């Protein structure tokens, strides 16, 4: 596994998720050396952290928008 992609930041949430899925498939194949497995695990942990942080940020933005009087779809106004 090359060293430069290991430290490269993902371009987007979708790219990070795709990379993470590929890493999991490689690790599950059982064909990686111990060193490559450790590198894949470290990269996977970093990608997972990126995805979790990105999702938390999106959830926070939705909460902020909801507090500005956005309502759920299909919810009728009851007066």
PDB file of N, CA and C in Angstrom:
ATOM      1  N   UNK A   1       0.846  -1.173   0.000  1.00  0.00           N
ATOM      2  CA  UNK A   1       0.000   0.000   0.000  1.00  0.00           C
ATOM      3  C   UNK A   1       0.896   1.241   0.000  1.00  0.00           C
ATOM      4  N   UNK A   2       0.746   2.145  -0.958  1.00  0.00           N
ATOM      5  CA  UNK A   2       1.585   3.334  -1.012  1.00  0.00           C
ATOM      6  C   UNK A   2       1.340   4.241   0.177  1.00  0.00           C
ATOM      7  N   UNK A   3       2.378   4.984   0.551  1.00  0.00           N
ATOM      8  CA  UNK A   3       2.258   5.832   1.728  1.00  0.00           C
ATOM      9  C   UNK A   3       1.468   7.103   1.474  1.00  0.00           C
ATOM     10  N   UNK A   4       1.508   7.685   0.280  1.00  0.00           N
ATOM     11  CA  UNK A   4       0.825   8.953   0.033  1.00  0.00           C
ATOM     12  C   UNK A   4      -0.695   8.851   0.145  1.00  0.00           C
ATOM     13  N   UNK A   5      -1.383   7.812  -0.430  1.00  0.00           N
ATOM     14  CA  UNK A   5      -2.826   7.746  -0.258  1.00  0.00           C
ATOM     15  C   UNK A   5      -3.233   7.531   1.194  1.00  0.00           C
ATOM     16  N   UNK A   6      -2.346   6.932   1.979  1.00  0.00           N
ATOM     17  CA  UNK A   6      -2.667   6.656   3.373  1.00  0.00           C
ATOM     18  C   UNK A   6      -2.942   7.940   4.145  1.00  0.00           C
ATOM     19  N   UNK A   7      -2.249   9.008   3.802  1.00  0.00           N
ATOM     20  CA  UNK A   7      -2.395  10.251   4.536  1.00  0.00           C
ATOM     21  C   UNK A   7      -3.230  11.285   3.794  1.00  0.00           C
ATOM     22  N   UNK A   8      -3.622  11.008   2.560  1.00  0.00           N
ATOM     23  CA  UNK A   8      -4.395  11.966   1.778  1.00  0.00           C
ATOM     24  C   UNK A   8      -5.792  12.122   2.360  1.00  0.00           C
ATOM     25  N   UNK A   9      -6.252  13.365   2.423  1.00  0.00           N
ATOM     26  CA  UNK A   9      -7.609  13.631   2.917  1.00  0.00           C
ATOM     27  C   UNK A   9      -8.614  13.240   1.838  1.00  0.00           C
ATOM     28  N   UNK A  10      -9.758  12.689   2.238  1.00  0.00           N
ATOM     29  CA  UNK A  10     -10.778  12.329   1.250  1.00  0.00           C
ATOM     30  C   UNK A  10     -11.337  13.570   0.561  1.00  0.00           C
ATOM     31  N   UNK A  11     -11.725  13.404  -0.695  1.00  0.00           N
ATOM     32  CA  UNK A  11     -12.294  14.518  -1.461  1.00  0.00           C
ATOM     33  C   UNK A  11     -13.715  14.828  -1.006  1.00  0.00           C
ATOM     34  N   UNK A  12     -14.421  13.804  -0.513  1.00  0.00           N
ATOM     35  CA  UNK A  12     -15.810  13.976  -0.096  1.00  0.00           C
ATOM     36  C   UNK A  12     -16.212  12.813   0.811  1.00  0.00           C
ATOM     37  N   UNK A  13     -17.389  12.927   1.395  1.00  0.00           N
ATOM     38  CA  UNK A  13     -17.922  11.844   2.221  1.00  0.00           C
ATOM     39  C   UNK A  13     -18.069  10.581   1.390  1.00  0.00           C
ATOM     40  N   UNK A  14     -18.604  10.733   0.175  1.00  0.00           N
ATOM     41  CA  UNK A  14     -18.831   9.581  -0.692  1.00  0.00           C
ATOM     42  C   UNK A  14     -17.510   8.910  -1.079  1.00  0.00           C
ATOM     43  N   UNK A  15     -16.494   9.708  -1.344  1.00  0.00           N
ATOM     44  CA  UNK A  15     -15.179   9.149  -1.680  1.00  0.00           C
ATOM     45  C   UNK A  15     -14.594   8.397  -0.488  1.00  0.00           C
ATOM     46  N   UNK A  16     -14.739   8.971   0.697  1.00  0.00           N
ATOM     47  CA  UNK A  16     -14.232   8.320   1.906  1.00  0.00           C
ATOM     48  C   UNK A  16     -14.945   6.994   2.142  1.00  0.00           C
ATOM     49  N   UNK A  17     -16.252   6.995   1.968  1.00  0.00           N
ATOM     50  CA  UNK A  17     -17.029   5.771   2.170  1.00  0.00           C
ATOM     51  C   UNK A  17     -16.634   4.702   1.155  1.00  0.00           C
ATOM     52  N   UNK A  18     -16.431   5.110  -0.087  1.00  0.00           N
ATOM     53  CA  UNK A  18     -16.002   4.172  -1.128  1.00  0.00           C
ATOM     54  C   UNK A  18     -14.625   3.591  -0.803  1.00  0.00           C
ATOM     55  N   UNK A  19     -13.700   4.455  -0.384  1.00  0.00           N
ATOM     56  CA  UNK A  19     -12.361   3.985  -0.005  1.00  0.00           C
ATOM     57  C   UNK A  19     -12.431   3.022   1.173  1.00  0.00           C
ATOM     58  N   UNK A  20     -13.273   3.333   2.124  1.00  0.00           N
ATOM     59  CA  UNK A  20     -13.424   2.476   3.306  1.00  0.00           C
ATOM     60  C   UNK A  20     -13.961   1.105   2.909  1.00  0.00           C
ATOM     61  N   UNK A  21     -14.938   1.086   2.023  1.00  0.00           N
ATOM     62  CA  UNK A  21     -15.492  -0.189   1.550  1.00  0.00           C
ATOM     63  C   UNK A  21     -14.429  -1.024   0.834  1.00  0.00           C
ATOM     64  N   UNK A  22     -13.593  -0.369   0.032  1.00  0.00           N
ATOM     65  CA  UNK A  22     -12.518  -1.078  -0.668  1.00  0.00           C
ATOM     66  C   UNK A  22     -11.504  -1.656   0.321  1.00  0.00           C
ATOM     67  N   UNK A  23     -11.158  -0.853   1.341  1.00  0.00           N
ATOM     68  CA  UNK A  23     -10.209  -1.337   2.351  1.00  0.00           C
ATOM     69  C   UNK A  23     -10.748  -2.554   3.083  1.00  0.00           C
ATOM     70  N   UNK A  24     -12.021  -2.508   3.439  1.00  0.00           N
ATOM     71  CA  UNK A  24     -12.632  -3.638   4.145  1.00  0.00           C
ATOM     72  C   UNK A  24     -12.591  -4.887   3.267  1.00  0.00           C
ATOM     73  N   UNK A  25     -12.921  -4.733   1.994  1.00  0.00           N
ATOM     74  CA  UNK A  25     -12.892  -5.880   1.075  1.00  0.00           C
ATOM     75  C   UNK A  25     -11.482  -6.455   0.958  1.00  0.00           C
ATOM     76  N   UNK A  26     -10.477  -5.567   0.861  1.00  0.00           N
ATOM     77  CA  UNK A  26      -9.084  -6.030   0.785  1.00  0.00           C
ATOM     78  C   UNK A  26      -8.685  -6.784   2.048  1.00  0.00           C
ATOM     79  N   UNK A  27      -9.071  -6.235   3.190  1.00  0.00           N
ATOM     80  CA  UNK A  27      -8.703  -6.882   4.451  1.00  0.00           C
ATOM     81  C   UNK A  27      -9.418  -8.218   4.620  1.00  0.00           C
ATOM     82  N   UNK A  28     -10.684  -8.272   4.193  1.00  0.00           N
ATOM     83  CA  UNK A  28     -11.437  -9.518   4.311  1.00  0.00           C
ATOM     84  C   UNK A  28     -10.929 -10.594   3.366  1.00  0.00           C
ATOM     85  N   UNK A  29     -10.246 -10.189   2.295  1.00  0.00           N
ATOM     86  CA  UNK A  29      -9.745 -11.168   1.336  1.00  0.00           C
ATOM     87  C   UNK A  29      -8.662 -12.055   1.939  1.00  0.00           C
ATOM     88  N   UNK A  30      -7.984 -11.548   2.965  1.00  0.00           N
ATOM     89  CA  UNK A  30      -6.930 -12.317   3.603  1.00  0.00           C
ATOM     90  C   UNK A  30      -5.633 -12.346   2.812  1.00  0.00           C
ATOM     91  N   UNK A  31      -5.524 -11.527   1.786  1.00  0.00           N
ATOM     92  CA  UNK A  31      -4.356 -11.539   0.917  1.00  0.00           C
ATOM     93  C   UNK A  31      -3.311 -10.478   1.280  1.00  0.00           C
ATOM     94  N   UNK A  32      -3.587  -9.640   2.259  1.00  0.00           N
ATOM     95  CA  UNK A  32      -2.653  -8.580   2.632  1.00  0.00           C
ATOM     96  C   UNK A  32      -1.594  -9.107   3.594  1.00  0.00           C
ATOM     97  N   UNK A  33      -0.414  -8.553   3.486  1.00  0.00           N
ATOM     98  CA  UNK A  33       0.626  -8.868   4.455  1.00  0.00           C
ATOM     99  C   UNK A  33       0.267  -8.209   5.782  1.00  0.00           C
ATOM    100  N   UNK A  34       0.982  -8.565   6.825  1.00  0.00           N
ATOM    101  CA  UNK A  34       0.736  -7.960   8.120  1.00  0.00           C
ATOM    102  C   UNK A  34       0.941  -6.448   8.060  1.00  0.00           C
ATOM    103  N   UNK A  35       2.021  -6.024   7.419  1.00  0.00           N
ATOM    104  CA  UNK A  35       2.299  -4.592   7.308  1.00  0.00           C
ATOM    105  C   UNK A  35       1.201  -3.865   6.526  1.00  0.00           C
ATOM    106  N   UNK A  36       0.759  -4.467   5.423  1.00  0.00           N
ATOM    107  CA  UNK A  36      -0.302  -3.873   4.614  1.00  0.00           C
ATOM    108  C   UNK A  36      -1.626  -3.859   5.378  1.00  0.00           C
ATOM    109  N   UNK A  37      -1.875  -4.899   6.168  1.00  0.00           N
ATOM    110  CA  UNK A  37      -3.088  -4.952   6.984  1.00  0.00           C
ATOM    111  C   UNK A  37      -3.102  -3.832   8.027  1.00  0.00           C
ATOM    112  N   UNK A  38      -1.952  -3.612   8.666  1.00  0.00           N
ATOM    113  CA  UNK A  38      -1.864  -2.523   9.645  1.00  0.00           C
ATOM    114  C   UNK A  38      -2.073  -1.164   8.992  1.00  0.00           C
ATOM    115  N   UNK A  39      -1.473  -0.969   7.825  1.00  0.00           N
ATOM    116  CA  UNK A  39      -1.641   0.293   7.100  1.00  0.00           C
ATOM    117  C   UNK A  39      -3.102   0.481   6.692  1.00  0.00           C
ATOM    118  N   UNK A  40      -3.739  -0.592   6.227  1.00  0.00           N
ATOM    119  CA  UNK A  40      -5.146  -0.522   5.839  1.00  0.00           C
ATOM    120  C   UNK A  40      -6.023  -0.217   7.052  1.00  0.00           C
ATOM    121  N   UNK A  41      -5.710  -0.820   8.184  1.00  0.00           N
ATOM    122  CA  UNK A  41      -6.480  -0.574   9.395  1.00  0.00           C
ATOM    123  C   UNK A  41      -6.362   0.893   9.821  1.00  0.00           C
ATOM    124  N   UNK A  42      -5.144   1.424   9.804  1.00  0.00           N
ATOM    125  CA  UNK A  42      -4.932   2.827  10.179  1.00  0.00           C
ATOM    126  C   UNK A  42      -5.681   3.755   9.237  1.00  0.00           C
ATOM    127  N   UNK A  43      -5.584   3.486   7.938  1.00  0.00           N
ATOM    128  CA  UNK A  43      -6.289   4.318   6.957  1.00  0.00           C
ATOM    129  C   UNK A  43      -7.794   4.203   7.155  1.00  0.00           C
ATOM    130  N   UNK A  44      -8.269   2.996   7.407  1.00  0.00           N
ATOM    131  CA  UNK A  44      -9.693   2.783   7.648  1.00  0.00           C
ATOM    132  C   UNK A  44     -10.186   3.537   8.874  1.00  0.00           C
ATOM    133  N   UNK A  45      -9.389   3.538   9.925  1.00  0.00           N
ATOM    134  CA  UNK A  45      -9.765   4.266  11.143  1.00  0.00           C
ATOM    135  C   UNK A  45      -9.859   5.767  10.861  1.00  0.00           C
ATOM    136  N   UNK A  46      -8.929   6.280  10.065  1.00  0.00           N
ATOM    137  CA  UNK A  46      -8.958   7.703   9.712  1.00  0.00           C
ATOM    138  C   UNK A  46     -10.175   8.020   8.841  1.00  0.00           C
ATOM    139  N   UNK A  47     -10.473   7.149   7.888  1.00  0.00           N
ATOM    140  CA  UNK A  47     -11.644   7.358   7.037  1.00  0.00           C
ATOM    141  C   UNK A  47     -12.933   7.279   7.840  1.00  0.00           C
ATOM    142  N   UNK A  48     -12.994   6.341   8.763  1.00  0.00           N
ATOM    143  CA  UNK A  48     -14.173   6.214   9.617  1.00  0.00           C
ATOM    144  C   UNK A  48     -14.385   7.479  10.444  1.00  0.00           C
ATOM    145  N   UNK A  49     -13.315   8.004  11.007  1.00  0.00           N
ATOM    146  CA  UNK A  49     -13.401   9.243  11.786  1.00  0.00           C
ATOM    147  C   UNK A  49     -13.892  10.394  10.915  1.00  0.00           C
ATOM    148  N   UNK A  50     -13.362  10.486   9.700  1.00  0.00           N
ATOM    149  CA  UNK A  50     -13.791  11.531   8.761  1.00  0.00           C
ATOM    150  C   UNK A  50     -15.287  11.399   8.474  1.00  0.00           C
ATOM    151  N   UNK A  51     -15.748  10.186   8.186  1.00  0.00           N
ATOM    152  CA  UNK A  51     -17.168   9.963   7.884  1.00  0.00           C
ATOM    153  C   UNK A  51     -18.048  10.307   9.077  1.00  0.00           C
ATOM    154  N   UNK A  52     -17.651   9.887  10.265  1.00  0.00           N
ATOM    155  CA  UNK A  52     -18.444  10.181  11.458  1.00  0.00           C
ATOM    156  C   UNK A  52     -18.521  11.683  11.712  1.00  0.00           C
ATOM    157  N   UNK A  53     -17.414  12.369  11.566  1.00  0.00           N
ATOM    158  CA  UNK A  53     -17.385  13.818  11.775  1.00  0.00           C
ATOM    159  C   UNK A  53     -18.251  14.530  10.737  1.00  0.00           C
ATOM    160  N   UNK A  54     -18.157  14.093   9.494  1.00  0.00           N
ATOM    161  CA  UNK A  54     -18.952  14.699   8.426  1.00  0.00           C
ATOM    162  C   UNK A  54     -20.439  14.504   8.684  1.00  0.00           C
ATOM    163  N   UNK A  55     -20.832  13.301   9.110  1.00  0.00           N
ATOM    164  CA  UNK A  55     -22.241  13.040   9.418  1.00  0.00           C
ATOM    165  C   UNK A  55     -22.713  13.854  10.620  1.00  0.00           C
ATOM    166  N   UNK A  56     -21.880  13.979  11.638  1.00  0.00           N
ATOM    167  CA  UNK A  56     -22.252  14.785  12.804  1.00  0.00           C
ATOM    168  C   UNK A  56     -22.436  16.247  12.415  1.00  0.00           C
ATOM    169  N   UNK A  57     -21.566  16.754  11.551  1.00  0.00           N
ATOM    170  CA  UNK A  57     -21.701  18.136  11.080  1.00  0.00           C
ATOM    171  C   UNK A  57     -23.010  18.321  10.318  1.00  0.00           C
ATOM    172  N   UNK A  58     -23.354  17.364   9.473  1.00  0.00           N
ATOM    173  CA  UNK A  58     -24.597  17.442   8.703  1.00  0.00           C
ATOM    174  C   UNK A  58     -25.802  17.393   9.638  1.00  0.00           C
ATOM    175  N   UNK A  59     -25.752  16.527  10.650  1.00  0.00           N
ATOM    176  CA  UNK A  59     -26.849  16.451  11.622  1.00  0.00           C
ATOM    177  C   UNK A  59     -27.007  17.758  12.373  1.00  0.00           C
ATOM    178  N   UNK A  60     -25.915  18.378  12.728  1.00  0.00           N
ATOM    179  CA  UNK A  60     -25.970  19.655  13.433  1.00  0.00           C
ATOM    180  C   UNK A  60     -26.593  20.733  12.546  1.00  0.00           C
ATOM    181  N   UNK A  61     -26.235  20.736  11.284  1.00  0.00           N
ATOM    182  CA  UNK A  61     -26.814  21.715  10.365  1.00  0.00           C
ATOM    183  C   UNK A  61     -28.319  21.517  10.231  1.00  0.00           C
ATOM    184  N   UNK A  62     -28.768  20.262  10.185  1.00  0.00           N
ATOM    185  CA  UNK A  62     -30.203  19.971  10.106  1.00  0.00           C
ATOM    186  C   UNK A  62     -30.898  20.448  11.376  1.00  0.00           C
ATOM    187  N   UNK A  63     -30.286  20.207  12.528  1.00  0.00           N
ATOM    188  CA  UNK A  63     -30.889  20.678  13.789  1.00  0.00           C
ATOM    189  C   UNK A  63     -31.043  22.201  13.774  1.00  0.00           C
ATOM    190  N   UNK A  64     -30.033  22.894  13.299  1.00  0.00           N
ATOM    191  CA  UNK A  64     -30.090  24.354  13.234  1.00  0.00           C
ATOM    192  C   UNK A  64     -31.215  24.788  12.301  1.00  0.00           C
ATOM    193  N   UNK A  65     -31.308  24.152  11.147  1.00  0.00           N
ATOM    194  CA  UNK A  65     -32.379  24.489  10.208  1.00  0.00           C
ATOM    195  C   UNK A  65     -33.756  24.193  10.786  1.00  0.00           C
ATOM    196  N   UNK A  66     -33.905  23.078  11.487  1.00  0.00           N
ATOM    197  CA  UNK A  66     -35.189  22.735  12.092  1.00  0.00           C
ATOM    198  C   UNK A  66     -35.600  23.753  13.144  1.00  0.00           C
ATOM    199  N   UNK A  67     -34.657  24.311  13.848  1.00  0.00           N
ATOM    200  CA  UNK A  67     -34.977  25.320  14.856  1.00  0.00           C
ATOM    201  C   UNK A  67     -35.418  26.635  14.224  1.00  0.00           C
ATOM    202  N   UNK A  68     -35.164  26.807  12.930  1.00  0.00           N
ATOM    203  CA  UNK A  68     -35.632  27.991  12.211  1.00  0.00           C
ATOM    204  C   UNK A  68     -36.992  27.723  11.578  1.00  0.00           C
ATOM    205  N   UNK A  69     -37.791  26.909  12.232  1.00  0.00           N
ATOM    206  CA  UNK A  69     -39.187  26.645  11.872  1.00  0.00           C
ATOM    207  C   UNK A  69     -39.392  25.732  10.675  1.00  0.00           C
ATOM    208  N   UNK A  70     -38.410  24.948  10.299  1.00  0.00           N
ATOM    209  CA  UNK A  70     -38.662  23.937   9.289  1.00  0.00           C
ATOM    210  C   UNK A  70     -39.461  22.812   9.937  1.00  0.00           C
ATOM    211  N   UNK A  71     -40.364  22.221   9.182  1.00  0.00           N
ATOM    212  CA  UNK A  71     -41.178  21.145   9.716  1.00  0.00           C
ATOM    213  C   UNK A  71     -40.965  19.887   8.890  1.00  0.00           C
ATOM    214  N   UNK A  72     -41.334  18.765   9.460  1.00  0.00           N
ATOM    215  CA  UNK A  72     -41.230  17.497   8.755  1.00  0.00           C
ATOM    216  C   UNK A  72     -42.215  17.463   7.588  1.00  0.00           C
ATOM    217  N   UNK A  73     -41.835  16.792   6.510  1.00  0.00           N
ATOM    218  CA  UNK A  73     -42.729  16.646   5.373  1.00  0.00           C
ATOM    219  C   UNK A  73     -43.975  15.894   5.812  1.00  0.00           C
ATOM    220  N   UNK A  74     -45.115  16.295   5.285  1.00  0.00           N
ATOM    221  CA  UNK A  74     -46.368  15.612   5.590  1.00  0.00           C
ATOM    222  C   UNK A  74     -46.998  16.044   6.890  1.00  0.00           C
ATOM    223  N   UNK A  75     -46.368  16.942   7.579  1.00  0.00           N
ATOM    224  CA  UNK A  75     -46.896  17.411   8.864  1.00  0.00           C
ATOM    225  C   UNK A  75     -47.837  18.584   8.592  1.00  0.00           C
ATOM    226  N   UNK A  76     -49.097  18.433   8.938  1.00  0.00           N
ATOM    227  CA  UNK A  76     -50.084  19.504   8.717  1.00  0.00           C
ATOM    228  C   UNK A  76     -50.014  20.515   9.838  1.00  0.00           C
ATOM    229  N   UNK A  77     -50.280  21.764   9.475  1.00  0.00           N
ATOM    230  CA  UNK A  77     -50.350  22.799  10.498  1.00  0.00           C
ATOM    231  C   UNK A  77     -51.660  22.644  11.232  1.00  0.00           C
ATOM    232  N   UNK A  78     -51.584  22.618  12.524  1.00  0.00           N
ATOM    233  CA  UNK A  78     -52.783  22.479  13.348  1.00  0.00           C
ATOM    234  C   UNK A  78     -52.952  23.757  14.144  1.00  0.00           C
ATOM    235  N   UNK A  79     -54.025  24.472  13.869  1.00  0.00           N
ATOM    236  CA  UNK A  79     -54.276  25.719  14.579  1.00  0.00           C
ATOM    237  C   UNK A  79     -55.564  25.667  15.319  1.00  0.00           C
TER     238      UNK A  79
END
